[in-house]
Amino acid sequence: MKFSEAERKQRYLSDPNFCPECESRNITAHQSTFEHTQAWQAITCDDCDAEWHDLFTLTGYELTMEAKI
């Protein structure tokens, strides 16, 4: 079944564990890169050789230990 680009993007964002090109679950995540409030991770498909970046944006923070002052 062929999906439109928008449908494929929405499917990937809800479950990013497949290749958005061939739909294989045989993918490899590589090193993440962080720059200011953004980050990205290189991903490759081990079946069709597609390459893409998963993109991340800082949306908040969670305090895990309060300051001792």
C-alpha atoms as a PDB file:
ATOM      1  CA  MET A   1       0.000   0.000   0.000  1.00  0.00           C
ATOM      2  CA  LYS A   2       1.423   3.383  -1.017  1.00  0.00           C
ATOM      3  CA  PHE A   3       1.026   6.290   1.391  1.00  0.00           C
ATOM      4  CA  SER A   4       1.262   9.991   0.620  1.00  0.00           C
ATOM      5  CA  GLU A   5       4.276  11.853   2.002  1.00  0.00           C
ATOM      6  CA  ALA A   6       2.095  13.394   4.751  1.00  0.00           C
ATOM      7  CA  GLU A   7       0.631   9.986   5.709  1.00  0.00           C
ATOM      8  CA  ARG A   8       4.066   8.372   5.738  1.00  0.00           C
ATOM      9  CA  LYS A   9       5.439  11.164   7.947  1.00  0.00           C
ATOM     10  CA  GLN A  10       2.539  10.850  10.397  1.00  0.00           C
ATOM     11  CA  ARG A  11       2.938   7.071  10.584  1.00  0.00           C
ATOM     12  CA  TYR A  12       6.673   7.432  11.224  1.00  0.00           C
ATOM     13  CA  LEU A  13       6.192  10.067  13.931  1.00  0.00           C
ATOM     14  CA  SER A  14       3.750   7.799  15.786  1.00  0.00           C
ATOM     15  CA  ASP A  15       6.105   4.769  15.550  1.00  0.00           C
ATOM     16  CA  PRO A  16       9.654   5.612  14.370  1.00  0.00           C
ATOM     17  CA  ASN A  17      10.854   2.022  14.244  1.00  0.00           C
ATOM     18  CA  PHE A  18      10.706   1.417  10.497  1.00  0.00           C
ATOM     19  CA  CYS A  19      12.217   2.724   7.284  1.00  0.00           C
ATOM     20  CA  PRO A  20       9.997   5.477   5.851  1.00  0.00           C
ATOM     21  CA  GLU A  21      11.028   4.400   2.333  1.00  0.00           C
ATOM     22  CA  CYS A  22      10.573   0.612   2.284  1.00  0.00           C
ATOM     23  CA  GLU A  23       8.844   0.072   5.679  1.00  0.00           C
ATOM     24  CA  SER A  24      11.464  -2.455   6.825  1.00  0.00           C
ATOM     25  CA  ARG A  25      12.021  -2.667  10.570  1.00  0.00           C
ATOM     26  CA  ASN A  26      15.655  -3.585   9.883  1.00  0.00           C
ATOM     27  CA  ILE A  27      17.109  -0.140  10.651  1.00  0.00           C
ATOM     28  CA  THR A  28      20.210   1.080  12.487  1.00  0.00           C
ATOM     29  CA  ALA A  29      20.389   4.206  14.627  1.00  0.00           C
ATOM     30  CA  HIS A  30      23.754   5.978  14.701  1.00  0.00           C
ATOM     31  CA  GLN A  31      25.335   8.714  16.778  1.00  0.00           C
ATOM     32  CA  SER A  32      23.165  11.597  17.966  1.00  0.00           C
ATOM     33  CA  THR A  33      24.272  15.207  17.468  1.00  0.00           C
ATOM     34  CA  PHE A  34      23.233  18.007  19.818  1.00  0.00           C
ATOM     35  CA  GLU A  35      23.346  21.724  19.033  1.00  0.00           C
ATOM     36  CA  HIS A  36      21.760  24.295  21.343  1.00  0.00           C
ATOM     37  CA  THR A  37      18.067  23.304  21.614  1.00  0.00           C
ATOM     38  CA  GLN A  38      18.018  20.801  18.756  1.00  0.00           C
ATOM     39  CA  ALA A  39      19.339  17.302  18.202  1.00  0.00           C
ATOM     40  CA  TRP A  40      19.301  14.782  15.380  1.00  0.00           C
ATOM     41  CA  GLN A  41      20.210  11.154  14.947  1.00  0.00           C
ATOM     42  CA  ALA A  42      21.350   9.509  11.736  1.00  0.00           C
ATOM     43  CA  ILE A  43      19.358   6.386  10.824  1.00  0.00           C
ATOM     44  CA  THR A  44      19.963   3.930   7.998  1.00  0.00           C
ATOM     45  CA  CYS A  45      17.884   1.121   6.555  1.00  0.00           C
ATOM     46  CA  ASP A  46      19.787  -2.137   6.388  1.00  0.00           C
ATOM     47  CA  ASP A  47      17.529  -3.396   3.583  1.00  0.00           C
ATOM     48  CA  CYS A  48      17.171  -0.533   1.062  1.00  0.00           C
ATOM     49  CA  ASP A  49      20.133   1.665   2.184  1.00  0.00           C
ATOM     50  CA  ALA A  50      17.941   4.752   2.718  1.00  0.00           C
ATOM     51  CA  GLU A  51      19.432   7.312   5.110  1.00  0.00           C
ATOM     52  CA  TRP A  52      17.602   9.967   7.151  1.00  0.00           C
ATOM     53  CA  HIS A  53      17.811  11.999  10.339  1.00  0.00           C
ATOM     54  CA  ASP A  54      15.372  11.774  13.223  1.00  0.00           C
ATOM     55  CA  LEU A  55      14.951  15.363  14.438  1.00  0.00           C
ATOM     56  CA  PHE A  56      14.457  16.392  18.072  1.00  0.00           C
ATOM     57  CA  THR A  57      13.608  19.762  19.625  1.00  0.00           C
ATOM     58  CA  LEU A  58      13.840  20.751  23.287  1.00  0.00           C
ATOM     59  CA  THR A  59      10.284  21.075  24.584  1.00  0.00           C
ATOM     60  CA  GLY A  60      10.871  21.429  28.304  1.00  0.00           C
ATOM     61  CA  TYR A  61      12.828  20.024  31.191  1.00  0.00           C
ATOM     62  CA  GLU A  62      12.285  17.829  34.231  1.00  0.00           C
ATOM     63  CA  LEU A  63      14.049  18.674  37.484  1.00  0.00           C
ATOM     64  CA  THR A  64      15.381  15.405  38.920  1.00  0.00           C
ATOM     65  CA  MET A  65      17.034  16.834  42.034  1.00  0.00           C
ATOM     66  CA  GLU A  66      16.405  20.159  43.732  1.00  0.00           C
ATOM     67  CA  ALA A  67      19.339  22.473  44.499  1.00  0.00           C
ATOM     68  CA  LYS A  68      20.735  22.197  48.041  1.00  0.00           C
ATOM     69  CA  ILE A  69      20.826  25.862  49.038  1.00  0.00           C
END
